[in-house]
Amino acid sequence: MSWYHWLLLAYAVVLTGLYVKKTVFPFCDRGHDCFAVPNEEVAKKLVYFLQQRAGLGEKFTFDPVPTHQTVLADSQRVIIWHEPLLKGDEPLPPNGMSIIVDDPVSEAHNFVTGFNQSLGHAYQTRVILNHMPEAKGNLAIVTSTAFLGWVLVFRKHVMNMGPKPRMRRITP
């Protein structure tokens, strides 16, 4: 093979590696968006439809209490359903966006302070900790009356969230 065949082959390997890294490996975690459904049966039907119509099937499902989450093939979108509230639990908006930070608790508090100041304290915004016991301080949830039906989640990179969750599949 000539040198340009080797160059072309190297280029193809690099492009393939970038595609695989973006879609398969966890170290490219950029956060995700959660879209809520009422239960697993609806999640199954929705994921099946998304696979058929958009090629966006299930990557895996896991169950961090009090939620159940199906990560879609693009690793950016998550179908989520919540456990029924226990007596005394505060309801949270069902949808959310997560962003990756080194220190979720301090970043969430800094966000709340800056966000409230920038809006003249016109909205109620606060940090909720320990909503997901498995996260053990690696996750902070921000709620605000300025967010219509969603929460902002500050979390550590998936590789630093703690023990790997038990993964399962809801689709065949």
N, C-alpha and C. Protein backbone atom coordinates (compact mmCIF):
# COMPACT_ATOMS: atom_id res chain seq x y z
N MET A 1 0.84 -1.19 0.00
CA MET A 1 0.00 0.00 0.00
C MET A 1 0.88 1.25 0.00
N SER A 2 0.43 2.24 -0.70
CA SER A 2 1.20 3.47 -0.77
C SER A 2 0.90 4.34 0.46
N TRP A 3 1.65 5.42 0.61
CA TRP A 3 1.53 6.27 1.79
C TRP A 3 0.16 6.92 1.90
N TYR A 4 -0.48 7.25 0.78
CA TYR A 4 -1.79 7.90 0.86
C TYR A 4 -2.88 6.90 1.25
N HIS A 5 -2.69 5.62 0.95
CA HIS A 5 -3.63 4.61 1.44
C HIS A 5 -3.53 4.50 2.96
N TRP A 6 -2.30 4.55 3.47
CA TRP A 6 -2.10 4.51 4.93
C TRP A 6 -2.70 5.76 5.57
N LEU A 7 -2.54 6.90 4.95
CA LEU A 7 -3.09 8.15 5.46
C LEU A 7 -4.62 8.10 5.48
N LEU A 8 -5.20 7.60 4.41
CA LEU A 8 -6.65 7.46 4.34
C LEU A 8 -7.15 6.49 5.41
N LEU A 9 -6.46 5.40 5.60
CA LEU A 9 -6.84 4.43 6.63
C LEU A 9 -6.74 5.05 8.02
N ALA A 10 -5.68 5.80 8.28
CA ALA A 10 -5.52 6.46 9.58
C ALA A 10 -6.65 7.47 9.80
N TYR A 11 -6.99 8.22 8.78
CA TYR A 11 -8.08 9.19 8.86
C TYR A 11 -9.41 8.49 9.19
N ALA A 12 -9.67 7.37 8.53
CA ALA A 12 -10.90 6.60 8.79
C ALA A 12 -10.93 6.08 10.22
N VAL A 13 -9.80 5.62 10.72
CA VAL A 13 -9.72 5.12 12.10
C VAL A 13 -10.01 6.25 13.09
N VAL A 14 -9.43 7.43 12.86
CA VAL A 14 -9.65 8.58 13.74
C VAL A 14 -11.13 8.97 13.74
N LEU A 15 -11.73 9.08 12.56
CA LEU A 15 -13.15 9.45 12.49
C LEU A 15 -14.03 8.42 13.18
N THR A 16 -13.76 7.16 12.99
CA THR A 16 -14.51 6.10 13.65
C THR A 16 -14.34 6.20 15.16
N GLY A 17 -13.12 6.43 15.61
CA GLY A 17 -12.86 6.57 17.04
C GLY A 17 -13.61 7.74 17.65
N LEU A 18 -13.65 8.86 16.95
CA LEU A 18 -14.38 10.02 17.46
C LEU A 18 -15.88 9.72 17.53
N TYR A 19 -16.41 9.03 16.54
CA TYR A 19 -17.83 8.68 16.55
C TYR A 19 -18.13 7.74 17.71
N VAL A 20 -17.32 6.71 17.89
CA VAL A 20 -17.53 5.75 18.97
C VAL A 20 -17.40 6.43 20.32
N LYS A 21 -16.40 7.26 20.49
CA LYS A 21 -16.20 7.97 21.75
C LYS A 21 -17.41 8.82 22.08
N LYS A 22 -17.95 9.49 21.09
CA LYS A 22 -19.09 10.38 21.29
C LYS A 22 -20.34 9.62 21.69
N THR A 23 -20.53 8.43 21.19
CA THR A 23 -21.80 7.75 21.39
C THR A 23 -21.75 6.57 22.34
N VAL A 24 -20.58 6.04 22.63
CA VAL A 24 -20.54 4.82 23.42
C VAL A 24 -19.86 5.01 24.77
N PHE A 25 -18.70 5.57 24.79
CA PHE A 25 -17.92 5.60 26.02
C PHE A 25 -18.41 6.67 26.99
N PRO A 26 -18.37 6.38 28.29
CA PRO A 26 -18.89 7.33 29.27
C PRO A 26 -17.99 8.52 29.52
N PHE A 27 -16.71 8.48 29.12
CA PHE A 27 -15.81 9.58 29.48
C PHE A 27 -16.08 10.86 28.69
N CYS A 28 -17.01 10.83 27.77
CA CYS A 28 -17.38 12.05 27.05
C CYS A 28 -18.70 12.61 27.58
N ASP A 29 -19.02 12.32 28.82
CA ASP A 29 -20.26 12.75 29.47
C ASP A 29 -20.38 14.27 29.43
N ARG A 30 -21.44 14.76 28.80
CA ARG A 30 -21.68 16.20 28.71
C ARG A 30 -23.00 16.59 29.37
N GLY A 31 -23.53 15.71 30.20
CA GLY A 31 -24.84 15.98 30.79
C GLY A 31 -25.93 15.45 29.88
N HIS A 32 -27.18 15.65 30.29
CA HIS A 32 -28.28 15.14 29.49
C HIS A 32 -29.57 15.89 29.82
N ASP A 33 -30.58 15.66 29.01
CA ASP A 33 -31.91 16.23 29.20
C ASP A 33 -32.87 15.09 29.51
N CYS A 34 -33.68 15.27 30.55
CA CYS A 34 -34.65 14.24 30.96
C CYS A 34 -36.05 14.65 30.55
N PHE A 35 -36.76 13.71 29.95
CA PHE A 35 -38.14 13.92 29.53
C PHE A 35 -39.01 12.90 30.26
N ALA A 36 -39.97 13.38 31.04
CA ALA A 36 -40.74 12.51 31.93
C ALA A 36 -41.93 11.85 31.25
N VAL A 37 -42.17 10.62 31.66
CA VAL A 37 -43.37 9.87 31.29
C VAL A 37 -43.94 9.31 32.60
N PRO A 38 -45.21 8.88 32.59
CA PRO A 38 -45.82 8.46 33.85
C PRO A 38 -45.34 7.11 34.40
N ASN A 39 -44.91 6.19 33.51
CA ASN A 39 -44.53 4.87 34.01
C ASN A 39 -43.69 4.12 32.96
N GLU A 40 -43.24 2.93 33.35
CA GLU A 40 -42.36 2.14 32.48
C GLU A 40 -43.06 1.68 31.20
N GLU A 41 -44.34 1.37 31.29
CA GLU A 41 -45.05 0.91 30.10
C GLU A 41 -45.04 1.99 29.02
N VAL A 42 -45.27 3.23 29.42
CA VAL A 42 -45.23 4.35 28.46
C VAL A 42 -43.80 4.53 27.94
N ALA A 43 -42.83 4.40 28.83
CA ALA A 43 -41.42 4.53 28.41
C ALA A 43 -41.08 3.49 27.35
N LYS A 44 -41.51 2.24 27.55
CA LYS A 44 -41.25 1.17 26.57
C LYS A 44 -41.82 1.52 25.20
N LYS A 45 -43.07 1.96 25.18
CA LYS A 45 -43.72 2.28 23.91
C LYS A 45 -43.05 3.47 23.24
N LEU A 46 -42.69 4.49 24.04
CA LEU A 46 -42.03 5.67 23.49
C LEU A 46 -40.67 5.32 22.91
N VAL A 47 -39.88 4.55 23.64
CA VAL A 47 -38.55 4.17 23.16
C VAL A 47 -38.66 3.33 21.90
N TYR A 48 -39.63 2.42 21.85
CA TYR A 48 -39.84 1.62 20.65
C TYR A 48 -40.16 2.54 19.46
N PHE A 49 -41.06 3.52 19.67
CA PHE A 49 -41.42 4.46 18.61
C PHE A 49 -40.21 5.27 18.17
N LEU A 50 -39.43 5.78 19.13
CA LEU A 50 -38.24 6.57 18.79
C LEU A 50 -37.22 5.75 18.01
N GLN A 51 -37.10 4.47 18.35
CA GLN A 51 -36.18 3.59 17.62
C GLN A 51 -36.66 3.41 16.18
N GLN A 52 -37.95 3.17 16.03
CA GLN A 52 -38.50 2.92 14.69
C GLN A 52 -38.47 4.17 13.82
N ARG A 53 -38.81 5.31 14.37
CA ARG A 53 -38.97 6.53 13.59
C ARG A 53 -37.70 7.37 13.46
N ALA A 54 -36.86 7.32 14.51
CA ALA A 54 -35.70 8.23 14.52
C ALA A 54 -34.37 7.52 14.74
N GLY A 55 -34.41 6.19 14.86
CA GLY A 55 -33.17 5.45 15.12
C GLY A 55 -32.58 5.74 16.49
N LEU A 56 -33.41 6.21 17.41
CA LEU A 56 -32.95 6.63 18.73
C LEU A 56 -33.46 5.65 19.77
N GLY A 57 -32.83 4.47 19.81
CA GLY A 57 -33.27 3.42 20.71
C GLY A 57 -32.65 3.50 22.09
N GLU A 58 -32.91 2.48 22.86
CA GLU A 58 -32.43 2.40 24.23
C GLU A 58 -30.95 2.01 24.27
N LYS A 59 -30.18 2.74 25.05
CA LYS A 59 -28.80 2.36 25.33
C LYS A 59 -28.80 1.45 26.56
N PHE A 60 -29.44 1.90 27.63
CA PHE A 60 -29.65 1.10 28.83
C PHE A 60 -30.63 1.82 29.73
N THR A 61 -31.15 1.09 30.72
CA THR A 61 -32.04 1.64 31.74
C THR A 61 -31.42 1.37 33.08
N PHE A 62 -31.54 2.32 34.01
CA PHE A 62 -31.08 2.10 35.38
C PHE A 62 -32.07 2.76 36.33
N ASP A 63 -31.98 2.44 37.61
CA ASP A 63 -33.01 2.81 38.57
C ASP A 63 -32.47 3.52 39.81
N PRO A 64 -31.96 4.75 39.67
CA PRO A 64 -31.52 5.48 40.86
C PRO A 64 -32.74 6.01 41.63
N VAL A 65 -32.99 5.47 42.78
CA VAL A 65 -34.16 5.85 43.59
C VAL A 65 -34.15 7.35 43.81
N PRO A 66 -35.24 8.04 43.65
CA PRO A 66 -36.63 7.63 43.40
C PRO A 66 -37.04 7.71 41.93
N THR A 67 -36.11 7.48 41.01
CA THR A 67 -36.43 7.56 39.59
C THR A 67 -36.06 6.26 38.88
N HIS A 68 -36.48 6.18 37.64
CA HIS A 68 -36.08 5.13 36.70
C HIS A 68 -35.74 5.88 35.43
N GLN A 69 -34.59 5.56 34.81
CA GLN A 69 -34.13 6.35 33.67
C GLN A 69 -33.67 5.44 32.54
N THR A 70 -34.16 5.74 31.34
CA THR A 70 -33.71 5.05 30.14
C THR A 70 -32.87 6.03 29.33
N VAL A 71 -31.60 5.71 29.21
CA VAL A 71 -30.68 6.54 28.44
C VAL A 71 -30.82 6.12 26.98
N LEU A 72 -31.05 7.09 26.11
CA LEU A 72 -31.21 6.79 24.69
C LEU A 72 -29.84 6.68 24.01
N ALA A 73 -29.84 6.18 22.81
CA ALA A 73 -28.61 5.84 22.10
C ALA A 73 -27.66 7.02 21.93
N ASP A 74 -28.16 8.24 21.92
CA ASP A 74 -27.28 9.40 21.74
C ASP A 74 -26.61 9.84 23.04
N SER A 75 -26.95 9.20 24.15
CA SER A 75 -26.41 9.49 25.49
C SER A 75 -26.74 10.90 25.97
N GLN A 76 -27.51 11.66 25.24
CA GLN A 76 -27.86 13.04 25.61
C GLN A 76 -29.30 13.16 26.10
N ARG A 77 -30.13 12.21 25.72
CA ARG A 77 -31.54 12.27 26.10
C ARG A 77 -31.89 11.08 26.97
N VAL A 78 -32.74 11.35 27.97
CA VAL A 78 -33.14 10.33 28.93
C VAL A 78 -34.66 10.38 29.09
N ILE A 79 -35.28 9.21 29.03
CA ILE A 79 -36.70 9.10 29.36
C ILE A 79 -36.74 8.71 30.84
N ILE A 80 -37.48 9.48 31.64
CA ILE A 80 -37.46 9.30 33.09
C ILE A 80 -38.88 9.14 33.62
N TRP A 81 -39.04 8.26 34.59
CA TRP A 81 -40.31 8.17 35.32
C TRP A 81 -39.97 8.06 36.79
N HIS A 82 -40.85 8.63 37.60
CA HIS A 82 -40.59 8.80 39.03
C HIS A 82 -41.45 7.86 39.86
N GLU A 83 -40.90 7.45 41.01
CA GLU A 83 -41.67 6.69 41.98
C GLU A 83 -42.75 7.59 42.57
N PRO A 84 -43.87 7.00 43.01
CA PRO A 84 -44.87 7.82 43.70
C PRO A 84 -44.24 8.44 44.96
N LEU A 85 -44.69 9.63 45.29
CA LEU A 85 -44.15 10.34 46.46
C LEU A 85 -44.52 9.63 47.75
N LEU A 86 -43.59 9.62 48.67
CA LEU A 86 -43.87 9.13 50.01
C LEU A 86 -44.46 10.28 50.82
N LYS A 87 -45.15 9.95 51.89
CA LYS A 87 -45.75 10.99 52.73
C LYS A 87 -44.66 11.95 53.20
N GLY A 88 -44.89 13.23 53.00
CA GLY A 88 -43.92 14.24 53.43
C GLY A 88 -42.91 14.62 52.36
N ASP A 89 -42.81 13.84 51.29
CA ASP A 89 -41.87 14.20 50.22
C ASP A 89 -42.40 15.40 49.44
N GLU A 90 -41.49 16.25 49.05
CA GLU A 90 -41.86 17.42 48.25
C GLU A 90 -41.83 17.05 46.78
N PRO A 91 -42.90 17.36 46.05
CA PRO A 91 -42.88 17.05 44.61
C PRO A 91 -41.90 17.96 43.88
N LEU A 92 -41.18 17.36 42.95
CA LEU A 92 -40.27 18.12 42.08
C LEU A 92 -40.82 18.09 40.67
N PRO A 93 -40.51 19.10 39.86
CA PRO A 93 -40.90 19.03 38.45
C PRO A 93 -40.31 17.76 37.83
N PRO A 94 -41.02 17.13 36.92
CA PRO A 94 -40.59 15.84 36.40
C PRO A 94 -39.46 15.89 35.38
N ASN A 95 -39.28 17.00 34.69
CA ASN A 95 -38.27 17.10 33.63
C ASN A 95 -37.04 17.81 34.14
N GLY A 96 -35.90 17.59 33.48
CA GLY A 96 -34.69 18.24 33.94
C GLY A 96 -33.58 18.26 32.93
N MET A 97 -32.58 19.07 33.25
CA MET A 97 -31.35 19.16 32.46
C MET A 97 -30.20 19.00 33.44
N SER A 98 -29.26 18.12 33.13
CA SER A 98 -28.09 17.98 34.00
C SER A 98 -26.87 18.56 33.31
N ILE A 99 -26.02 19.17 34.12
CA ILE A 99 -24.73 19.66 33.62
C ILE A 99 -23.63 19.11 34.51
N ILE A 100 -22.46 18.92 33.94
CA ILE A 100 -21.33 18.31 34.62
C ILE A 100 -20.45 19.39 35.24
N VAL A 101 -20.17 19.24 36.54
CA VAL A 101 -19.31 20.18 37.26
C VAL A 101 -18.44 19.39 38.23
N ASP A 102 -17.36 20.01 38.70
CA ASP A 102 -16.47 19.34 39.64
C ASP A 102 -17.06 19.26 41.05
N ASP A 103 -17.75 20.32 41.48
CA ASP A 103 -18.31 20.39 42.83
C ASP A 103 -19.79 20.78 42.73
N PRO A 104 -20.68 19.80 42.61
CA PRO A 104 -22.10 20.10 42.38
C PRO A 104 -22.74 20.99 43.44
N VAL A 105 -22.41 20.77 44.70
CA VAL A 105 -23.06 21.53 45.77
C VAL A 105 -22.69 23.01 45.70
N SER A 106 -21.40 23.31 45.62
CA SER A 106 -21.00 24.72 45.58
C SER A 106 -21.42 25.38 44.26
N GLU A 107 -21.34 24.65 43.15
CA GLU A 107 -21.77 25.21 41.86
C GLU A 107 -23.26 25.53 41.87
N ALA A 108 -24.06 24.65 42.47
CA ALA A 108 -25.51 24.89 42.55
C ALA A 108 -25.80 26.13 43.40
N HIS A 109 -25.13 26.24 44.55
CA HIS A 109 -25.35 27.41 45.40
C HIS A 109 -24.88 28.69 44.71
N ASN A 110 -23.76 28.64 44.02
CA ASN A 110 -23.28 29.81 43.27
C ASN A 110 -24.27 30.20 42.17
N PHE A 111 -24.80 29.19 41.49
CA PHE A 111 -25.80 29.47 40.45
C PHE A 111 -27.02 30.17 41.04
N VAL A 112 -27.54 29.63 42.15
CA VAL A 112 -28.73 30.21 42.77
C VAL A 112 -28.49 31.66 43.16
N THR A 113 -27.34 31.93 43.77
CA THR A 113 -27.02 33.30 44.17
C THR A 113 -26.98 34.23 42.97
N GLY A 114 -26.24 33.85 41.94
CA GLY A 114 -26.11 34.69 40.75
C GLY A 114 -27.42 34.83 39.98
N PHE A 115 -28.15 33.72 39.86
CA PHE A 115 -29.42 33.73 39.13
C PHE A 115 -30.42 34.64 39.83
N ASN A 116 -30.55 34.48 41.14
CA ASN A 116 -31.48 35.32 41.90
C ASN A 116 -31.12 36.79 41.79
N GLN A 117 -29.84 37.11 41.91
CA GLN A 117 -29.41 38.51 41.82
C GLN A 117 -29.69 39.07 40.43
N SER A 118 -29.42 38.28 39.39
CA SER A 118 -29.60 38.78 38.03
C SER A 118 -31.07 39.05 37.71
N LEU A 119 -31.97 38.38 38.41
CA LEU A 119 -33.41 38.57 38.16
C LEU A 119 -34.06 39.43 39.25
N GLY A 120 -33.25 40.08 40.06
CA GLY A 120 -33.80 40.95 41.10
C GLY A 120 -34.60 40.20 42.15
N HIS A 121 -34.26 38.95 42.39
CA HIS A 121 -34.93 38.11 43.38
C HIS A 121 -36.44 38.00 43.13
N ALA A 122 -36.83 38.04 41.86
CA ALA A 122 -38.25 37.97 41.49
C ALA A 122 -38.80 36.55 41.54
N TYR A 123 -37.92 35.56 41.59
CA TYR A 123 -38.36 34.16 41.60
C TYR A 123 -37.76 33.44 42.80
N GLN A 124 -38.45 32.38 43.22
CA GLN A 124 -37.92 31.55 44.31
C GLN A 124 -37.05 30.46 43.69
N THR A 125 -35.79 30.46 44.05
CA THR A 125 -34.83 29.49 43.52
C THR A 125 -34.06 28.90 44.68
N ARG A 126 -33.92 27.58 44.70
CA ARG A 126 -33.21 26.94 45.82
C ARG A 126 -32.54 25.65 45.40
N VAL A 127 -31.67 25.17 46.27
CA VAL A 127 -30.91 23.94 46.05
C VAL A 127 -31.50 22.83 46.90
N ILE A 128 -31.66 21.65 46.30
CA ILE A 128 -32.11 20.46 47.02
C ILE A 128 -30.98 19.45 46.97
N LEU A 129 -30.57 18.99 48.14
CA LEU A 129 -29.51 17.98 48.26
C LEU A 129 -30.11 16.66 48.73
N ASN A 130 -29.44 15.58 48.47
CA ASN A 130 -29.81 14.24 48.95
C ASN A 130 -31.17 13.75 48.45
N HIS A 131 -31.61 14.24 47.31
CA HIS A 131 -32.86 13.74 46.74
C HIS A 131 -32.67 12.30 46.22
N MET A 132 -31.49 12.02 45.73
CA MET A 132 -31.14 10.67 45.29
C MET A 132 -30.05 10.16 46.24
N PRO A 133 -30.42 9.36 47.23
CA PRO A 133 -29.45 8.91 48.23
C PRO A 133 -28.21 8.24 47.65
N GLU A 134 -28.35 7.54 46.53
CA GLU A 134 -27.21 6.85 45.92
C GLU A 134 -26.13 7.81 45.45
N ALA A 135 -26.50 9.06 45.18
CA ALA A 135 -25.55 10.03 44.64
C ALA A 135 -24.57 10.55 45.70
N LYS A 136 -24.92 10.50 46.96
CA LYS A 136 -24.02 10.86 48.07
C LYS A 136 -23.25 12.15 47.84
N GLY A 137 -23.94 13.24 47.65
CA GLY A 137 -23.28 14.54 47.49
C GLY A 137 -22.71 14.82 46.12
N ASN A 138 -22.88 13.90 45.19
CA ASN A 138 -22.37 14.10 43.83
C ASN A 138 -23.39 14.75 42.91
N LEU A 139 -24.51 15.18 43.49
CA LEU A 139 -25.61 15.70 42.70
C LEU A 139 -26.36 16.75 43.52
N ALA A 140 -26.67 17.89 42.91
CA ALA A 140 -27.46 18.94 43.55
C ALA A 140 -28.52 19.40 42.56
N ILE A 141 -29.74 19.49 43.03
CA ILE A 141 -30.87 19.86 42.18
C ILE A 141 -31.27 21.30 42.49
N VAL A 142 -31.44 22.09 41.45
CA VAL A 142 -31.90 23.47 41.60
C VAL A 142 -33.32 23.55 41.06
N THR A 143 -34.23 24.06 41.90
CA THR A 143 -35.60 24.32 41.46
C THR A 143 -35.81 25.83 41.47
N SER A 144 -36.71 26.26 40.62
CA SER A 144 -37.00 27.69 40.57
C SER A 144 -38.39 27.90 40.01
N THR A 145 -39.07 28.90 40.53
CA THR A 145 -40.37 29.26 39.95
C THR A 145 -40.17 29.89 38.57
N ALA A 146 -38.93 30.18 38.21
CA ALA A 146 -38.63 30.68 36.86
C ALA A 146 -38.53 29.54 35.85
N PHE A 147 -38.35 28.30 36.31
CA PHE A 147 -38.30 27.12 35.44
C PHE A 147 -39.72 26.56 35.34
N LEU A 148 -40.25 26.46 34.17
CA LEU A 148 -41.62 25.97 34.01
C LEU A 148 -41.62 24.46 33.79
N GLY A 149 -41.76 23.70 34.87
CA GLY A 149 -41.88 22.24 34.79
C GLY A 149 -40.58 21.48 34.67
N TRP A 150 -39.46 22.06 35.05
CA TRP A 150 -38.18 21.34 34.97
C TRP A 150 -37.25 21.79 36.09
N VAL A 151 -36.19 21.01 36.29
CA VAL A 151 -35.15 21.31 37.27
C VAL A 151 -33.80 21.35 36.57
N LEU A 152 -32.85 22.02 37.21
CA LEU A 152 -31.47 22.05 36.72
C LEU A 152 -30.64 21.23 37.70
N VAL A 153 -29.96 20.21 37.19
CA VAL A 153 -29.20 19.30 38.03
C VAL A 153 -27.71 19.52 37.80
N PHE A 154 -27.00 19.80 38.87
CA PHE A 154 -25.54 19.90 38.83
C PHE A 154 -25.03 18.55 39.33
N ARG A 155 -24.18 17.90 38.54
CA ARG A 155 -23.68 16.60 38.96
C ARG A 155 -22.24 16.41 38.51
N LYS A 156 -21.61 15.44 39.17
CA LYS A 156 -20.26 15.09 38.76
C LYS A 156 -20.32 14.24 37.50
N HIS A 157 -19.17 14.10 36.86
CA HIS A 157 -19.03 13.25 35.69
C HIS A 157 -19.47 11.83 36.06
N VAL A 158 -20.04 11.12 35.12
CA VAL A 158 -20.55 9.78 35.38
C VAL A 158 -19.48 8.86 35.98
N MET A 159 -18.22 9.07 35.62
CA MET A 159 -17.14 8.23 36.16
C MET A 159 -16.86 8.54 37.63
N ASN A 160 -17.37 9.68 38.13
CA ASN A 160 -17.15 10.09 39.52
C ASN A 160 -18.43 10.09 40.36
N MET A 161 -19.48 9.48 39.85
CA MET A 161 -20.75 9.48 40.56
C MET A 161 -20.85 8.38 41.62
N GLY A 162 -19.90 7.48 41.65
CA GLY A 162 -19.96 6.39 42.62
C GLY A 162 -20.02 5.06 41.90
N PRO A 163 -20.45 4.02 42.62
CA PRO A 163 -20.50 2.69 42.01
C PRO A 163 -21.39 2.66 40.77
N LYS A 164 -20.98 1.85 39.82
CA LYS A 164 -21.74 1.71 38.58
C LYS A 164 -23.13 1.16 38.91
N PRO A 165 -24.18 1.78 38.36
CA PRO A 165 -25.54 1.30 38.65
C PRO A 165 -25.81 -0.01 37.93
N ARG A 166 -26.76 -0.76 38.46
CA ARG A 166 -27.20 -1.98 37.79
C ARG A 166 -28.01 -1.56 36.56
N MET A 167 -27.54 -1.99 35.40
CA MET A 167 -28.20 -1.62 34.15
C MET A 167 -29.09 -2.76 33.68
N ARG A 168 -30.16 -2.39 33.02
CA ARG A 168 -31.10 -3.36 32.45
C ARG A 168 -31.65 -2.78 31.16
N ARG A 169 -32.51 -3.55 30.51
CA ARG A 169 -33.14 -3.08 29.27
C ARG A 169 -34.66 -3.20 29.43
N ILE A 170 -35.37 -2.21 28.88
CA ILE A 170 -36.83 -2.28 28.87
C ILE A 170 -37.37 -2.65 27.49
N THR A 171 -36.48 -2.62 26.49
CA THR A 171 -36.90 -2.98 25.14
C THR A 171 -36.15 -4.23 24.71
N PRO A 172 -36.76 -5.00 23.81
CA PRO A 172 -36.09 -6.24 23.35
C PRO A 172 -34.86 -5.95 22.52
